[in-house]
Amino acid sequence: MSTPPTRKFTPEIDAKLYDEFVAVAEQNGQTRRHVLEEALRFYLRNVVPSQHLVRREVMDAFEQSVARNRDLLERLAK
């Protein structure tokens, strides 16, 4: 079985997030590459599709309504 082609990239990320990422990999006996690939795979297959469930114009209207009624929403939350 051949290994899939790879690409090297070097992102800069929040230091605390990186430390947590490294700790998880070490705790689970996994490589950083494995944890990162799994996280990217999960994000691309689960999070991205769910962002398109609501039409953009519906979200725009919702956000405008929240902004317009922020004072009322804060009072109701109390």
C-alpha atoms as a PDB file:
ATOM      1  CA  MET A   1       0.000   0.000   0.000  1.00  0.00           C
ATOM      2  CA  SER A   2       1.514   3.316  -1.015  1.00  0.00           C
ATOM      3  CA  THR A   3       1.437   6.368   1.189  1.00  0.00           C
ATOM      4  CA  PRO A   4      -0.483   9.391  -0.058  1.00  0.00           C
ATOM      5  CA  PRO A   5       1.500  12.402  -1.237  1.00  0.00           C
ATOM      6  CA  THR A   6       2.205  15.007   1.429  1.00  0.00           C
ATOM      7  CA  ARG A   7       2.697  18.766   1.581  1.00  0.00           C
ATOM      8  CA  LYS A   8       4.768  20.615   4.119  1.00  0.00           C
ATOM      9  CA  PHE A   9       3.430  23.803   5.668  1.00  0.00           C
ATOM     10  CA  THR A  10       4.368  25.816   8.723  1.00  0.00           C
ATOM     11  CA  PRO A  11       1.480  27.726  10.267  1.00  0.00           C
ATOM     12  CA  GLU A  12       1.873  30.042  13.217  1.00  0.00           C
ATOM     13  CA  ILE A  13      -0.735  29.339  15.897  1.00  0.00           C
ATOM     14  CA  ASP A  14      -1.540  30.453  19.426  1.00  0.00           C
ATOM     15  CA  ALA A  15       1.157  29.166  21.802  1.00  0.00           C
ATOM     16  CA  LYS A  16      -1.304  27.769  24.357  1.00  0.00           C
ATOM     17  CA  LEU A  17      -3.253  25.973  21.643  1.00  0.00           C
ATOM     18  CA  TYR A  18      -0.008  24.495  20.301  1.00  0.00           C
ATOM     19  CA  ASP A  19       1.011  23.296  23.777  1.00  0.00           C
ATOM     20  CA  GLU A  20      -2.394  21.648  24.231  1.00  0.00           C
ATOM     21  CA  PHE A  21      -2.106  20.046  20.804  1.00  0.00           C
ATOM     22  CA  VAL A  22       1.348  18.615  21.617  1.00  0.00           C
ATOM     23  CA  ALA A  23       0.166  17.382  25.025  1.00  0.00           C
ATOM     24  CA  VAL A  24      -2.808  15.551  23.484  1.00  0.00           C
ATOM     25  CA  ALA A  25      -0.580  13.870  20.931  1.00  0.00           C
ATOM     26  CA  GLU A  26       1.860  12.753  23.623  1.00  0.00           C
ATOM     27  CA  GLN A  27      -0.889  11.566  26.009  1.00  0.00           C
ATOM     28  CA  ASN A  28      -2.434   9.455  23.274  1.00  0.00           C
ATOM     29  CA  GLY A  29       0.854   8.140  21.937  1.00  0.00           C
ATOM     30  CA  GLN A  30       0.167   9.748  18.574  1.00  0.00           C
ATOM     31  CA  THR A  31       2.304  11.851  16.310  1.00  0.00           C
ATOM     32  CA  ARG A  32       1.600  15.547  15.949  1.00  0.00           C
ATOM     33  CA  ARG A  33       1.015  14.925  12.271  1.00  0.00           C
ATOM     34  CA  HIS A  34      -1.679  12.355  13.033  1.00  0.00           C
ATOM     35  CA  VAL A  35      -3.510  14.638  15.487  1.00  0.00           C
ATOM     36  CA  LEU A  36      -3.318  17.594  13.099  1.00  0.00           C
ATOM     37  CA  GLU A  37      -4.550  15.554  10.126  1.00  0.00           C
ATOM     38  CA  GLU A  38      -7.452  14.175  12.190  1.00  0.00           C
ATOM     39  CA  ALA A  39      -8.383  17.675  13.364  1.00  0.00           C
ATOM     40  CA  LEU A  40      -8.299  19.041   9.811  1.00  0.00           C
ATOM     41  CA  ARG A  41     -10.265  16.052   8.517  1.00  0.00           C
ATOM     42  CA  PHE A  42     -12.942  16.533  11.205  1.00  0.00           C
ATOM     43  CA  TYR A  43     -13.165  20.274  10.527  1.00  0.00           C
ATOM     44  CA  LEU A  44     -13.458  19.865   6.760  1.00  0.00           C
ATOM     45  CA  ARG A  45     -16.005  17.031   6.932  1.00  0.00           C
ATOM     46  CA  ASN A  46     -18.145  18.189   9.852  1.00  0.00           C
ATOM     47  CA  VAL A  47     -17.782  21.883  10.580  1.00  0.00           C
ATOM     48  CA  VAL A  48     -17.534  23.344   7.095  1.00  0.00           C
ATOM     49  CA  PRO A  49     -20.658  21.596   5.737  1.00  0.00           C
ATOM     50  CA  SER A  50     -22.704  22.687   8.755  1.00  0.00           C
ATOM     51  CA  GLN A  51     -21.809  26.316   8.082  1.00  0.00           C
ATOM     52  CA  HIS A  52     -23.810  26.140   4.873  1.00  0.00           C
ATOM     53  CA  LEU A  53     -27.045  24.810   6.383  1.00  0.00           C
ATOM     54  CA  VAL A  54     -28.487  28.297   6.803  1.00  0.00           C
ATOM     55  CA  ARG A  55     -28.602  30.665   3.867  1.00  0.00           C
ATOM     56  CA  ARG A  56     -26.304  33.685   4.209  1.00  0.00           C
ATOM     57  CA  GLU A  57     -29.202  36.155   3.924  1.00  0.00           C
ATOM     58  CA  VAL A  58     -30.980  34.435   6.834  1.00  0.00           C
ATOM     59  CA  MET A  59     -27.882  34.732   9.001  1.00  0.00           C
ATOM     60  CA  ASP A  60     -27.463  38.372   7.975  1.00  0.00           C
ATOM     61  CA  ALA A  61     -31.048  39.111   9.022  1.00  0.00           C
ATOM     62  CA  PHE A  62     -30.539  37.275  12.317  1.00  0.00           C
ATOM     63  CA  GLU A  63     -27.334  39.199  13.075  1.00  0.00           C
ATOM     64  CA  GLN A  64     -29.042  42.518  12.270  1.00  0.00           C
ATOM     65  CA  SER A  65     -31.932  41.610  14.554  1.00  0.00           C
ATOM     66  CA  VAL A  66     -29.584  40.721  17.410  1.00  0.00           C
ATOM     67  CA  ALA A  67     -27.678  43.988  16.956  1.00  0.00           C
ATOM     68  CA  ARG A  68     -30.916  46.005  16.808  1.00  0.00           C
ATOM     69  CA  ASN A  69     -32.341  44.317  19.914  1.00  0.00           C
ATOM     70  CA  ARG A  70     -29.156  43.883  21.951  1.00  0.00           C
ATOM     71  CA  ASP A  71     -30.415  46.002  24.885  1.00  0.00           C
ATOM     72  CA  LEU A  72     -33.677  44.050  25.109  1.00  0.00           C
ATOM     73  CA  LEU A  73     -31.878  40.698  24.838  1.00  0.00           C
ATOM     74  CA  GLU A  74     -29.474  41.661  27.624  1.00  0.00           C
ATOM     75  CA  ARG A  75     -32.364  42.716  29.892  1.00  0.00           C
ATOM     76  CA  LEU A  76     -34.226  39.474  29.162  1.00  0.00           C
ATOM     77  CA  ALA A  77     -31.109  37.448  29.955  1.00  0.00           C
ATOM     78  CA  LYS A  78     -31.059  38.955  33.453  1.00  0.00           C
END
